[in-house]
Amino acid sequence: MSRVSCAACKYQRRKCTSECVLAPYFPANQPKKFQNAHRLFGVRNMVKILDELKDEDQKSDAMKSIIFESDMREKFPVYGCVECISYLHQQLQITLQELQDVQSQLEFYRQQHPTATYPNFDR
């Protein structure tokens, strides 16, 4: 049976075997994903990380992190994923402030109309 080489094996011009540990994470139709990860981590380091992990879920999570970090490094060469994390942190702070404002407003209305029934959104 002929097997299509994964992006990692294609890039390295090797025959992709059923034992290829990178094949599940780098499909043949996504070579850029492999190139980014290869540029940042190298094949040897990715294989080493996978070899050290026994659980398939851990391997999957590790490769998702490697792929995300390398894609962010391509998108934001100076700060990489730190820029994305910083943006998400900023959005979280804005959302938390909005939540606090809504809770303050709700408390104000509760004080104005103590007999009314209000949903409890506190956690």
PDB file of N, CA and C in Angstrom:
ATOM      1  N   MET A   1       0.843  -1.189   0.000  1.00  0.00           N
ATOM      2  CA  MET A   1       0.000   0.000   0.000  1.00  0.00           C
ATOM      3  C   MET A   1       0.881   1.243   0.000  1.00  0.00           C
ATOM      4  N   SER A   2       0.597   2.157  -0.866  1.00  0.00           N
ATOM      5  CA  SER A   2       1.364   3.388  -0.977  1.00  0.00           C
ATOM      6  C   SER A   2       0.877   4.400   0.055  1.00  0.00           C
ATOM      7  N   ARG A   3       1.800   5.001   0.732  1.00  0.00           N
ATOM      8  CA  ARG A   3       1.473   5.967   1.774  1.00  0.00           C
ATOM      9  C   ARG A   3       1.947   7.347   1.323  1.00  0.00           C
ATOM     10  N   VAL A   4       1.090   8.349   1.470  1.00  0.00           N
ATOM     11  CA  VAL A   4       1.458   9.720   1.129  1.00  0.00           C
ATOM     12  C   VAL A   4       2.388  10.236   2.222  1.00  0.00           C
ATOM     13  N   SER A   5       3.483  10.812   1.802  1.00  0.00           N
ATOM     14  CA  SER A   5       4.444  11.339   2.780  1.00  0.00           C
ATOM     15  C   SER A   5       3.856  12.523   3.525  1.00  0.00           C
ATOM     16  N   CYS A   6       4.106  12.566   4.824  1.00  0.00           N
ATOM     17  CA  CYS A   6       3.675  13.722   5.622  1.00  0.00           C
ATOM     18  C   CYS A   6       4.541  14.923   5.248  1.00  0.00           C
ATOM     19  N   ALA A   7       4.163  16.091   5.693  1.00  0.00           N
ATOM     20  CA  ALA A   7       4.900  17.315   5.355  1.00  0.00           C
ATOM     21  C   ALA A   7       6.334  17.254   5.881  1.00  0.00           C
ATOM     22  N   ALA A   8       6.525  16.617   7.043  1.00  0.00           N
ATOM     23  CA  ALA A   8       7.873  16.514   7.619  1.00  0.00           C
ATOM     24  C   ALA A   8       8.773  15.654   6.732  1.00  0.00           C
ATOM     25  N   CYS A   9       8.272  14.510   6.319  1.00  0.00           N
ATOM     26  CA  CYS A   9       9.073  13.621   5.471  1.00  0.00           C
ATOM     27  C   CYS A   9       9.293  14.215   4.083  1.00  0.00           C
ATOM     28  N   LYS A  10       8.275  14.886   3.542  1.00  0.00           N
ATOM     29  CA  LYS A  10       8.432  15.550   2.242  1.00  0.00           C
ATOM     30  C   LYS A  10       9.540  16.593   2.315  1.00  0.00           C
ATOM     31  N   TYR A  11       9.508  17.384   3.378  1.00  0.00           N
ATOM     32  CA  TYR A  11      10.500  18.444   3.541  1.00  0.00           C
ATOM     33  C   TYR A  11      11.911  17.870   3.642  1.00  0.00           C
ATOM     34  N   GLN A  12      12.023  16.744   4.345  1.00  0.00           N
ATOM     35  CA  GLN A  12      13.331  16.113   4.541  1.00  0.00           C
ATOM     36  C   GLN A  12      13.693  15.146   3.409  1.00  0.00           C
ATOM     37  N   ARG A  13      12.761  15.005   2.443  1.00  0.00           N
ATOM     38  CA  ARG A  13      12.942  14.120   1.291  1.00  0.00           C
ATOM     39  C   ARG A  13      13.232  12.687   1.736  1.00  0.00           C
ATOM     40  N   ARG A  14      12.390  12.243   2.690  1.00  0.00           N
ATOM     41  CA  ARG A  14      12.500  10.880   3.209  1.00  0.00           C
ATOM     42  C   ARG A  14      11.205  10.136   2.930  1.00  0.00           C
ATOM     43  N   LYS A  15      11.301   8.833   2.927  1.00  0.00           N
ATOM     44  CA  LYS A  15      10.103   8.016   2.775  1.00  0.00           C
ATOM     45  C   LYS A  15       9.365   8.023   4.111  1.00  0.00           C
ATOM     46  N   CYS A  16       8.085   8.300   4.071  1.00  0.00           N
ATOM     47  CA  CYS A  16       7.272   8.349   5.291  1.00  0.00           C
ATOM     48  C   CYS A  16       6.790   6.936   5.603  1.00  0.00           C
ATOM     49  N   THR A  17       7.153   6.443   6.758  1.00  0.00           N
ATOM     50  CA  THR A  17       6.763   5.095   7.163  1.00  0.00           C
ATOM     51  C   THR A  17       5.629   5.160   8.185  1.00  0.00           C
ATOM     52  N   SER A  18       5.087   4.028   8.517  1.00  0.00           N
ATOM     53  CA  SER A  18       4.013   3.970   9.508  1.00  0.00           C
ATOM     54  C   SER A  18       4.529   4.306  10.908  1.00  0.00           C
ATOM     55  N   GLU A  19       5.845   4.269  11.100  1.00  0.00           N
ATOM     56  CA  GLU A  19       6.440   4.616  12.391  1.00  0.00           C
ATOM     57  C   GLU A  19       6.768   6.105  12.521  1.00  0.00           C
ATOM     58  N   CYS A  20       6.467   6.894  11.518  1.00  0.00           N
ATOM     59  CA  CYS A  20       6.773   8.326  11.555  1.00  0.00           C
ATOM     60  C   CYS A  20       5.967   8.994  12.662  1.00  0.00           C
ATOM     61  N   VAL A  21       6.657   9.524  13.665  1.00  0.00           N
ATOM     62  CA  VAL A  21       5.976  10.119  14.815  1.00  0.00           C
ATOM     63  C   VAL A  21       5.417  11.504  14.498  1.00  0.00           C
ATOM     64  N   LEU A  22       5.894  12.130  13.437  1.00  0.00           N
ATOM     65  CA  LEU A  22       5.440  13.480  13.094  1.00  0.00           C
ATOM     66  C   LEU A  22       4.250  13.482  12.134  1.00  0.00           C
ATOM     67  N   ALA A  23       3.996  12.365  11.480  1.00  0.00           N
ATOM     68  CA  ALA A  23       2.928  12.287  10.477  1.00  0.00           C
ATOM     69  C   ALA A  23       1.554  12.705  10.994  1.00  0.00           C
ATOM     70  N   PRO A  24       1.156  12.310  12.216  1.00  0.00           N
ATOM     71  CA  PRO A  24      -0.182  12.709  12.672  1.00  0.00           C
ATOM     72  C   PRO A  24      -0.348  14.223  12.846  1.00  0.00           C
ATOM     73  N   TYR A  25       0.750  14.930  12.986  1.00  0.00           N
ATOM     74  CA  TYR A  25       0.685  16.361  13.298  1.00  0.00           C
ATOM     75  C   TYR A  25       0.977  17.247  12.095  1.00  0.00           C
ATOM     76  N   PHE A  26       1.571  16.691  11.050  1.00  0.00           N
ATOM     77  CA  PHE A  26       1.955  17.470   9.875  1.00  0.00           C
ATOM     78  C   PHE A  26       1.474  16.781   8.590  1.00  0.00           C
ATOM     79  N   PRO A  27       0.182  16.943   8.258  1.00  0.00           N
ATOM     80  CA  PRO A  27      -0.345  16.331   7.033  1.00  0.00           C
ATOM     81  C   PRO A  27       0.379  16.857   5.793  1.00  0.00           C
ATOM     82  N   ALA A  28       0.364  16.059   4.765  1.00  0.00           N
ATOM     83  CA  ALA A  28       1.077  16.414   3.529  1.00  0.00           C
ATOM     84  C   ALA A  28       0.594  17.722   2.921  1.00  0.00           C
ATOM     85  N   ASN A  29      -0.679  18.051   3.149  1.00  0.00           N
ATOM     86  CA  ASN A  29      -1.232  19.264   2.523  1.00  0.00           C
ATOM     87  C   ASN A  29      -1.006  20.522   3.363  1.00  0.00           C
ATOM     88  N   GLN A  30      -0.202  20.421   4.449  1.00  0.00           N
ATOM     89  CA  GLN A  30       0.084  21.583   5.285  1.00  0.00           C
ATOM     90  C   GLN A  30       1.595  21.742   5.526  1.00  0.00           C
ATOM     91  N   PRO A  31       2.357  21.946   4.456  1.00  0.00           N
ATOM     92  CA  PRO A  31       3.817  22.026   4.612  1.00  0.00           C
ATOM     93  C   PRO A  31       4.275  23.251   5.403  1.00  0.00           C
ATOM     94  N   LYS A  32       3.534  24.342   5.334  1.00  0.00           N
ATOM     95  CA  LYS A  32       3.941  25.570   6.038  1.00  0.00           C
ATOM     96  C   LYS A  32       3.949  25.343   7.549  1.00  0.00           C
ATOM     97  N   LYS A  33       2.976  24.572   8.026  1.00  0.00           N
ATOM     98  CA  LYS A  33       2.897  24.271   9.452  1.00  0.00           C
ATOM     99  C   LYS A  33       4.184  23.566   9.902  1.00  0.00           C
ATOM    100  N   PHE A  34       4.647  22.599   9.118  1.00  0.00           N
ATOM    101  CA  PHE A  34       5.890  21.908   9.467  1.00  0.00           C
ATOM    102  C   PHE A  34       7.090  22.837   9.357  1.00  0.00           C
ATOM    103  N   GLN A  35       7.157  23.613   8.294  1.00  0.00           N
ATOM    104  CA  GLN A  35       8.309  24.498   8.104  1.00  0.00           C
ATOM    105  C   GLN A  35       8.453  25.474   9.264  1.00  0.00           C
ATOM    106  N   ASN A  36       7.328  26.021   9.748  1.00  0.00           N
ATOM    107  CA  ASN A  36       7.394  26.934  10.891  1.00  0.00           C
ATOM    108  C   ASN A  36       7.915  26.228  12.135  1.00  0.00           C
ATOM    109  N   ALA A  37       7.381  25.040  12.402  1.00  0.00           N
ATOM    110  CA  ALA A  37       7.807  24.285  13.584  1.00  0.00           C
ATOM    111  C   ALA A  37       9.264  23.849  13.456  1.00  0.00           C
ATOM    112  N   HIS A  38       9.653  23.437  12.280  1.00  0.00           N
ATOM    113  CA  HIS A  38      11.038  23.019  12.037  1.00  0.00           C
ATOM    114  C   HIS A  38      12.008  24.179  12.248  1.00  0.00           C
ATOM    115  N   ARG A  39      11.632  25.344  11.754  1.00  0.00           N
ATOM    116  CA  ARG A  39      12.487  26.525  11.875  1.00  0.00           C
ATOM    117  C   ARG A  39      12.705  26.910  13.347  1.00  0.00           C
ATOM    118  N   LEU A  40      11.661  26.795  14.143  1.00  0.00           N
ATOM    119  CA  LEU A  40      11.747  27.231  15.541  1.00  0.00           C
ATOM    120  C   LEU A  40      12.289  26.143  16.464  1.00  0.00           C
ATOM    121  N   PHE A  41      11.887  24.891  16.248  1.00  0.00           N
ATOM    122  CA  PHE A  41      12.248  23.822  17.186  1.00  0.00           C
ATOM    123  C   PHE A  41      13.214  22.790  16.620  1.00  0.00           C
ATOM    124  N   GLY A  42      13.144  22.531  15.330  1.00  0.00           N
ATOM    125  CA  GLY A  42      13.969  21.484  14.735  1.00  0.00           C
ATOM    126  C   GLY A  42      13.315  20.119  14.891  1.00  0.00           C
ATOM    127  N   VAL A  43      13.564  19.248  13.940  1.00  0.00           N
ATOM    128  CA  VAL A  43      12.966  17.919  13.943  1.00  0.00           C
ATOM    129  C   VAL A  43      13.427  17.126  15.156  1.00  0.00           C
ATOM    130  N   ARG A  44      14.705  17.154  15.445  1.00  0.00           N
ATOM    131  CA  ARG A  44      15.248  16.364  16.557  1.00  0.00           C
ATOM    132  C   ARG A  44      14.585  16.736  17.882  1.00  0.00           C
ATOM    133  N   ASN A  45      14.385  18.019  18.129  1.00  0.00           N
ATOM    134  CA  ASN A  45      13.756  18.440  19.385  1.00  0.00           C
ATOM    135  C   ASN A  45      12.290  18.026  19.452  1.00  0.00           C
ATOM    136  N   MET A  46      11.571  18.128  18.328  1.00  0.00           N
ATOM    137  CA  MET A  46      10.168  17.710  18.329  1.00  0.00           C
ATOM    138  C   MET A  46      10.046  16.204  18.582  1.00  0.00           C
ATOM    139  N   VAL A  47      10.893  15.420  17.933  1.00  0.00           N
ATOM    140  CA  VAL A  47      10.865  13.964  18.133  1.00  0.00           C
ATOM    141  C   VAL A  47      11.241  13.631  19.569  1.00  0.00           C
ATOM    142  N   LYS A  48      12.218  14.323  20.110  1.00  0.00           N
ATOM    143  CA  LYS A  48      12.649  14.095  21.496  1.00  0.00           C
ATOM    144  C   LYS A  48      11.500  14.370  22.473  1.00  0.00           C
ATOM    145  N   ILE A  49      10.786  15.460  22.261  1.00  0.00           N
ATOM    146  CA  ILE A  49       9.642  15.795  23.117  1.00  0.00           C
ATOM    147  C   ILE A  49       8.588  14.693  23.034  1.00  0.00           C
ATOM    148  N   LEU A  50       8.288  14.247  21.830  1.00  0.00           N
ATOM    149  CA  LEU A  50       7.291  13.189  21.661  1.00  0.00           C
ATOM    150  C   LEU A  50       7.735  11.880  22.304  1.00  0.00           C
ATOM    151  N   ASP A  51       9.019  11.566  22.208  1.00  0.00           N
ATOM    152  CA  ASP A  51       9.540  10.334  22.804  1.00  0.00           C
ATOM    153  C   ASP A  51       9.462  10.362  24.331  1.00  0.00           C
ATOM    154  N   GLU A  52       9.601  11.542  24.925  1.00  0.00           N
ATOM    155  CA  GLU A  52       9.577  11.655  26.378  1.00  0.00           C
ATOM    156  C   GLU A  52       8.168  11.541  26.952  1.00  0.00           C
ATOM    157  N   LEU A  53       7.158  11.775  26.119  1.00  0.00           N
ATOM    158  CA  LEU A  53       5.768  11.707  26.580  1.00  0.00           C
ATOM    159  C   LEU A  53       5.175  10.344  26.238  1.00  0.00           C
ATOM    160  N   LYS A  54       4.471   9.751  27.190  1.00  0.00           N
ATOM    161  CA  LYS A  54       3.885   8.421  26.972  1.00  0.00           C
ATOM    162  C   LYS A  54       2.414   8.500  26.584  1.00  0.00           C
ATOM    163  N   ASP A  55       1.691   9.446  27.128  1.00  0.00           N
ATOM    164  CA  ASP A  55       0.258   9.578  26.904  1.00  0.00           C
ATOM    165  C   ASP A  55      -0.011  10.282  25.577  1.00  0.00           C
ATOM    166  N   GLU A  56      -0.920   9.741  24.778  1.00  0.00           N
ATOM    167  CA  GLU A  56      -1.235  10.332  23.478  1.00  0.00           C
ATOM    168  C   GLU A  56      -1.829  11.732  23.607  1.00  0.00           C
ATOM    169  N   ASP A  57      -2.610  11.968  24.647  1.00  0.00           N
ATOM    170  CA  ASP A  57      -3.170  13.306  24.857  1.00  0.00           C
ATOM    171  C   ASP A  57      -2.082  14.324  25.137  1.00  0.00           C
ATOM    172  N   GLN A  58      -1.079  13.925  25.913  1.00  0.00           N
ATOM    173  CA  GLN A  58       0.045  14.821  26.197  1.00  0.00           C
ATOM    174  C   GLN A  58       0.834  15.114  24.924  1.00  0.00           C
ATOM    175  N   LYS A  59       1.040  14.104  24.116  1.00  0.00           N
ATOM    176  CA  LYS A  59       1.752  14.298  22.844  1.00  0.00           C
ATOM    177  C   LYS A  59       0.984  15.265  21.950  1.00  0.00           C
ATOM    178  N   SER A  60      -0.312  15.065  21.879  1.00  0.00           N
ATOM    179  CA  SER A  60      -1.151  15.931  21.050  1.00  0.00           C
ATOM    180  C   SER A  60      -1.101  17.373  21.563  1.00  0.00           C
ATOM    181  N   ASP A  61      -1.217  17.548  22.879  1.00  0.00           N
ATOM    182  CA  ASP A  61      -1.156  18.889  23.459  1.00  0.00           C
ATOM    183  C   ASP A  61       0.206  19.538  23.216  1.00  0.00           C
ATOM    184  N   ALA A  62       1.271  18.765  23.360  1.00  0.00           N
ATOM    185  CA  ALA A  62       2.620  19.294  23.140  1.00  0.00           C
ATOM    186  C   ALA A  62       2.793  19.756  21.697  1.00  0.00           C
ATOM    187  N   MET A  63       2.309  18.961  20.748  1.00  0.00           N
ATOM    188  CA  MET A  63       2.455  19.335  19.347  1.00  0.00           C
ATOM    189  C   MET A  63       1.560  20.521  18.992  1.00  0.00           C
ATOM    190  N   LYS A  64       0.382  20.588  19.594  1.00  0.00           N
ATOM    191  CA  LYS A  64      -0.466  21.769  19.369  1.00  0.00           C
ATOM    192  C   LYS A  64       0.243  23.026  19.854  1.00  0.00           C
ATOM    193  N   SER A  65       0.912  22.921  21.001  1.00  0.00           N
ATOM    194  CA  SER A  65       1.647  24.072  21.544  1.00  0.00           C
ATOM    195  C   SER A  65       2.812  24.451  20.648  1.00  0.00           C
ATOM    196  N   ILE A  66       3.552  23.453  20.182  1.00  0.00           N
ATOM    197  CA  ILE A  66       4.688  23.706  19.287  1.00  0.00           C
ATOM    198  C   ILE A  66       4.209  24.377  18.004  1.00  0.00           C
ATOM    199  N   ILE A  67       3.145  23.850  17.430  1.00  0.00           N
ATOM    200  CA  ILE A  67       2.620  24.403  16.177  1.00  0.00           C
ATOM    201  C   ILE A  67       2.088  25.814  16.398  1.00  0.00           C
ATOM    202  N   PHE A  68       1.353  26.031  17.495  1.00  0.00           N
ATOM    203  CA  PHE A  68       0.836  27.365  17.779  1.00  0.00           C
ATOM    204  C   PHE A  68       1.983  28.356  17.969  1.00  0.00           C
ATOM    205  N   GLU A  69       2.960  27.985  18.789  1.00  0.00           N
ATOM    206  CA  GLU A  69       4.069  28.899  19.047  1.00  0.00           C
ATOM    207  C   GLU A  69       4.850  29.206  17.776  1.00  0.00           C
ATOM    208  N   SER A  70       5.085  28.218  16.948  1.00  0.00           N
ATOM    209  CA  SER A  70       5.844  28.468  15.717  1.00  0.00           C
ATOM    210  C   SER A  70       5.037  29.286  14.707  1.00  0.00           C
ATOM    211  N   ASP A  71       3.719  29.075  14.652  1.00  0.00           N
ATOM    212  CA  ASP A  71       2.883  29.891  13.764  1.00  0.00           C
ATOM    213  C   ASP A  71       2.844  31.346  14.241  1.00  0.00           C
ATOM    214  N   MET A  72       2.769  31.545  15.535  1.00  0.00           N
ATOM    215  CA  MET A  72       2.767  32.910  16.089  1.00  0.00           C
ATOM    216  C   MET A  72       4.119  33.584  15.886  1.00  0.00           C
ATOM    217  N   ARG A  73       5.200  32.816  15.943  1.00  0.00           N
ATOM    218  CA  ARG A  73       6.538  33.380  15.708  1.00  0.00           C
ATOM    219  C   ARG A  73       6.655  33.844  14.265  1.00  0.00           C
ATOM    220  N   GLU A  74       6.021  33.119  13.345  1.00  0.00           N
ATOM    221  CA  GLU A  74       6.047  33.561  11.951  1.00  0.00           C
ATOM    222  C   GLU A  74       5.228  34.842  11.793  1.00  0.00           C
ATOM    223  N   LYS A  75       4.075  34.872  12.442  1.00  0.00           N
ATOM    224  CA  LYS A  75       3.178  36.015  12.323  1.00  0.00           C
ATOM    225  C   LYS A  75       3.730  37.250  13.034  1.00  0.00           C
ATOM    226  N   PHE A  76       4.318  37.042  14.202  1.00  0.00           N
ATOM    227  CA  PHE A  76       4.890  38.122  15.015  1.00  0.00           C
ATOM    228  C   PHE A  76       6.347  37.773  15.318  1.00  0.00           C
ATOM    229  N   PRO A  77       7.267  38.074  14.397  1.00  0.00           N
ATOM    230  CA  PRO A  77       8.660  37.623  14.534  1.00  0.00           C
ATOM    231  C   PRO A  77       9.378  38.095  15.796  1.00  0.00           C
ATOM    232  N   VAL A  78       9.038  39.250  16.294  1.00  0.00           N
ATOM    233  CA  VAL A  78       9.762  39.777  17.447  1.00  0.00           C
ATOM    234  C   VAL A  78       9.262  39.161  18.747  1.00  0.00           C
ATOM    235  N   TYR A  79       7.948  39.175  18.959  1.00  0.00           N
ATOM    236  CA  TYR A  79       7.406  38.734  20.244  1.00  0.00           C
ATOM    237  C   TYR A  79       6.742  37.362  20.195  1.00  0.00           C
ATOM    238  N   GLY A  80       6.462  36.840  19.018  1.00  0.00           N
ATOM    239  CA  GLY A  80       5.858  35.516  18.910  1.00  0.00           C
ATOM    240  C   GLY A  80       4.530  35.429  19.626  1.00  0.00           C
ATOM    241  N   CYS A  81       4.335  34.333  20.359  1.00  0.00           N
ATOM    242  CA  CYS A  81       3.046  34.113  21.016  1.00  0.00           C
ATOM    243  C   CYS A  81       2.830  35.062  22.190  1.00  0.00           C
ATOM    244  N   VAL A  82       3.884  35.712  22.669  1.00  0.00           N
ATOM    245  CA  VAL A  82       3.729  36.682  23.764  1.00  0.00           C
ATOM    246  C   VAL A  82       2.794  37.808  23.335  1.00  0.00           C
ATOM    247  N   GLU A  83       2.868  38.194  22.084  1.00  0.00           N
ATOM    248  CA  GLU A  83       1.988  39.254  21.581  1.00  0.00           C
ATOM    249  C   GLU A  83       0.531  38.805  21.623  1.00  0.00           C
ATOM    250  N   CYS A  84       0.289  37.577  21.227  1.00  0.00           N
ATOM    251  CA  CYS A  84      -1.068  37.028  21.261  1.00  0.00           C
ATOM    252  C   CYS A  84      -1.554  36.899  22.703  1.00  0.00           C
ATOM    253  N   ILE A  85      -0.721  36.403  23.582  1.00  0.00           N
ATOM    254  CA  ILE A  85      -1.081  36.254  24.997  1.00  0.00           C
ATOM    255  C   ILE A  85      -1.355  37.618  25.616  1.00  0.00           C
ATOM    256  N   SER A  86      -0.549  38.595  25.280  1.00  0.00           N
ATOM    257  CA  SER A  86      -0.745  39.949  25.793  1.00  0.00           C
ATOM    258  C   SER A  86      -2.091  40.508  25.342  1.00  0.00           C
ATOM    259  N   TYR A  87      -2.431  40.293  24.078  1.00  0.00           N
ATOM    260  CA  TYR A  87      -3.720  40.755  23.561  1.00  0.00           C
ATOM    261  C   TYR A  87      -4.869  40.080  24.297  1.00  0.00           C
ATOM    262  N   LEU A  88      -4.780  38.772  24.477  1.00  0.00           N
ATOM    263  CA  LEU A  88      -5.837  38.036  25.182  1.00  0.00           C
ATOM    264  C   LEU A  88      -5.952  38.485  26.636  1.00  0.00           C
ATOM    265  N   HIS A  89      -4.824  38.766  27.268  1.00  0.00           N
ATOM    266  CA  HIS A  89      -4.835  39.270  28.646  1.00  0.00           C
ATOM    267  C   HIS A  89      -5.542  40.628  28.710  1.00  0.00           C
ATOM    268  N   GLN A  90      -5.254  41.481  27.753  1.00  0.00           N
ATOM    269  CA  GLN A  90      -5.896  42.788  27.693  1.00  0.00           C
ATOM    270  C   GLN A  90      -7.410  42.636  27.509  1.00  0.00           C
ATOM    271  N   GLN A  91      -7.824  41.729  26.629  1.00  0.00           N
ATOM    272  CA  GLN A  91      -9.249  41.491  26.417  1.00  0.00           C
ATOM    273  C   GLN A  91      -9.917  40.941  27.677  1.00  0.00           C
ATOM    274  N   LEU A  92      -9.210  40.088  28.399  1.00  0.00           N
ATOM    275  CA  LEU A  92      -9.736  39.554  29.650  1.00  0.00           C
ATOM    276  C   LEU A  92      -9.936  40.663  30.674  1.00  0.00           C
ATOM    277  N   GLN A  93      -8.976  41.568  30.775  1.00  0.00           N
ATOM    278  CA  GLN A  93      -9.091  42.681  31.725  1.00  0.00           C
ATOM    279  C   GLN A  93     -10.278  43.577  31.378  1.00  0.00           C
ATOM    280  N   ILE A  94     -10.474  43.850  30.104  1.00  0.00           N
ATOM    281  CA  ILE A  94     -11.610  44.667  29.664  1.00  0.00           C
ATOM    282  C   ILE A  94     -12.918  43.972  30.009  1.00  0.00           C
ATOM    283  N   THR A  95     -12.998  42.677  29.754  1.00  0.00           N
ATOM    284  CA  THR A  95     -14.212  41.911  30.037  1.00  0.00           C
ATOM    285  C   THR A  95     -14.497  41.855  31.528  1.00  0.00           C
ATOM    286  N   LEU A  96     -13.468  41.663  32.333  1.00  0.00           N
ATOM    287  CA  LEU A  96     -13.656  41.645  33.785  1.00  0.00           C
ATOM    288  C   LEU A  96     -14.147  42.996  34.300  1.00  0.00           C
ATOM    289  N   GLN A  97     -13.637  44.076  33.721  1.00  0.00           N
ATOM    290  CA  GLN A  97     -14.093  45.412  34.120  1.00  0.00           C
ATOM    291  C   GLN A  97     -15.557  45.605  33.739  1.00  0.00           C
ATOM    292  N   GLU A  98     -15.925  45.152  32.538  1.00  0.00           N
ATOM    293  CA  GLU A  98     -17.329  45.241  32.119  1.00  0.00           C
ATOM    294  C   GLU A  98     -18.229  44.431  33.048  1.00  0.00           C
ATOM    295  N   LEU A  99     -17.782  43.261  33.446  1.00  0.00           N
ATOM    296  CA  LEU A  99     -18.553  42.434  34.361  1.00  0.00           C
ATOM    297  C   LEU A  99     -18.735  43.137  35.706  1.00  0.00           C
ATOM    298  N   GLN A 100     -17.674  43.731  36.187  1.00  0.00           N
ATOM    299  CA  GLN A 100     -17.752  44.460  37.455  1.00  0.00           C
ATOM    300  C   GLN A 100     -18.731  45.636  37.338  1.00  0.00           C
ATOM    301  N   ASP A 101     -18.701  46.340  36.223  1.00  0.00           N
ATOM    302  CA  ASP A 101     -19.622  47.454  36.005  1.00  0.00           C
ATOM    303  C   ASP A 101     -21.077  46.980  35.981  1.00  0.00           C
ATOM    304  N   VAL A 102     -21.318  45.867  35.293  1.00  0.00           N
ATOM    305  CA  VAL A 102     -22.684  45.339  35.226  1.00  0.00           C
ATOM    306  C   VAL A 102     -23.144  44.890  36.615  1.00  0.00           C
ATOM    307  N   GLN A 103     -22.268  44.254  37.357  1.00  0.00           N
ATOM    308  CA  GLN A 103     -22.638  43.819  38.701  1.00  0.00           C
ATOM    309  C   GLN A 103     -22.925  45.014  39.613  1.00  0.00           C
ATOM    310  N   SER A 104     -22.169  46.092  39.472  1.00  0.00           N
ATOM    311  CA  SER A 104     -22.421  47.305  40.256  1.00  0.00           C
ATOM    312  C   SER A 104     -23.781  47.912  39.890  1.00  0.00           C
ATOM    313  N   GLN A 105     -24.065  47.944  38.599  1.00  0.00           N
ATOM    314  CA  GLN A 105     -25.355  48.462  38.144  1.00  0.00           C
ATOM    315  C   GLN A 105     -26.502  47.603  38.665  1.00  0.00           C
ATOM    316  N   LEU A 106     -26.329  46.314  38.612  1.00  0.00           N
ATOM    317  CA  LEU A 106     -27.350  45.391  39.102  1.00  0.00           C
ATOM    318  C   LEU A 106     -27.568  45.585  40.606  1.00  0.00           C
ATOM    319  N   GLU A 107     -26.511  45.765  41.345  1.00  0.00           N
ATOM    320  CA  GLU A 107     -26.630  46.007  42.793  1.00  0.00           C
ATOM    321  C   GLU A 107     -27.367  47.319  43.057  1.00  0.00           C
ATOM    322  N   PHE A 108     -27.095  48.343  42.260  1.00  0.00           N
ATOM    323  CA  PHE A 108     -27.781  49.621  42.394  1.00  0.00           C
ATOM    324  C   PHE A 108     -29.288  49.431  42.197  1.00  0.00           C
ATOM    325  N   TYR A 109     -29.674  48.696  41.138  1.00  0.00           N
ATOM    326  CA  TYR A 109     -31.091  48.451  40.874  1.00  0.00           C
ATOM    327  C   TYR A 109     -31.734  47.615  41.970  1.00  0.00           C
ATOM    328  N   ARG A 110     -30.992  46.681  42.517  1.00  0.00           N
ATOM    329  CA  ARG A 110     -31.519  45.878  43.620  1.00  0.00           C
ATOM    330  C   ARG A 110     -31.813  46.749  44.847  1.00  0.00           C
ATOM    331  N   GLN A 111     -30.955  47.723  45.081  1.00  0.00           N
ATOM    332  CA  GLN A 111     -31.167  48.622  46.224  1.00  0.00           C
ATOM    333  C   GLN A 111     -32.362  49.541  45.979  1.00  0.00           C
ATOM    334  N   GLN A 112     -32.574  49.954  44.730  1.00  0.00           N
ATOM    335  CA  GLN A 112     -33.683  50.836  44.393  1.00  0.00           C
ATOM    336  C   GLN A 112     -35.029  50.108  44.463  1.00  0.00           C
ATOM    337  N   HIS A 113     -35.021  48.829  44.136  1.00  0.00           N
ATOM    338  CA  HIS A 113     -36.254  48.032  44.096  1.00  0.00           C
ATOM    339  C   HIS A 113     -36.023  46.717  44.856  1.00  0.00           C
ATOM    340  N   PRO A 114     -36.000  46.764  46.174  1.00  0.00           N
ATOM    341  CA  PRO A 114     -35.651  45.575  46.963  1.00  0.00           C
ATOM    342  C   PRO A 114     -36.658  44.433  46.856  1.00  0.00           C
ATOM    343  N   THR A 115     -37.895  44.700  46.481  1.00  0.00           N
ATOM    344  CA  THR A 115     -38.897  43.629  46.428  1.00  0.00           C
ATOM    345  C   THR A 115     -38.919  42.902  45.083  1.00  0.00           C
ATOM    346  N   ALA A 116     -38.266  43.455  44.076  1.00  0.00           N
ATOM    347  CA  ALA A 116     -38.257  42.827  42.748  1.00  0.00           C
ATOM    348  C   ALA A 116     -37.366  41.575  42.769  1.00  0.00           C
ATOM    349  N   THR A 117     -37.636  40.662  41.854  1.00  0.00           N
ATOM    350  CA  THR A 117     -36.844  39.438  41.738  1.00  0.00           C
ATOM    351  C   THR A 117     -35.844  39.617  40.602  1.00  0.00           C
ATOM    352  N   TYR A 118     -34.562  39.400  40.922  1.00  0.00           N
ATOM    353  CA  TYR A 118     -33.491  39.538  39.937  1.00  0.00           C
ATOM    354  C   TYR A 118     -32.736  38.208  39.835  1.00  0.00           C
ATOM    355  N   PRO A 119     -32.255  37.880  38.651  1.00  0.00           N
ATOM    356  CA  PRO A 119     -31.451  36.653  38.534  1.00  0.00           C
ATOM    357  C   PRO A 119     -30.123  36.840  39.267  1.00  0.00           C
ATOM    358  N   ASN A 120     -29.580  35.774  39.771  1.00  0.00           N
ATOM    359  CA  ASN A 120     -28.300  35.830  40.475  1.00  0.00           C
ATOM    360  C   ASN A 120     -27.186  35.422  39.503  1.00  0.00           C
ATOM    361  N   PHE A 121     -26.364  36.384  39.108  1.00  0.00           N
ATOM    362  CA  PHE A 121     -25.252  36.123  38.182  1.00  0.00           C
ATOM    363  C   PHE A 121     -23.935  35.994  38.901  1.00  0.00           C
ATOM    364  N   ASP A 122     -23.930  36.101  40.223  1.00  0.00           N
ATOM    365  CA  ASP A 122     -22.680  35.983  40.978  1.00  0.00           C
ATOM    366  C   ASP A 122     -22.224  34.541  40.951  1.00  0.00           C
ATOM    367  N   ARG A 123     -20.926  34.371  40.922  1.00  0.00           N
ATOM    368  CA  ARG A 123     -20.366  33.010  40.930  1.00  0.00           C
ATOM    369  C   ARG A 123     -19.476  32.833  42.110  1.00  0.00           C
TER     370      ARG A 123
END
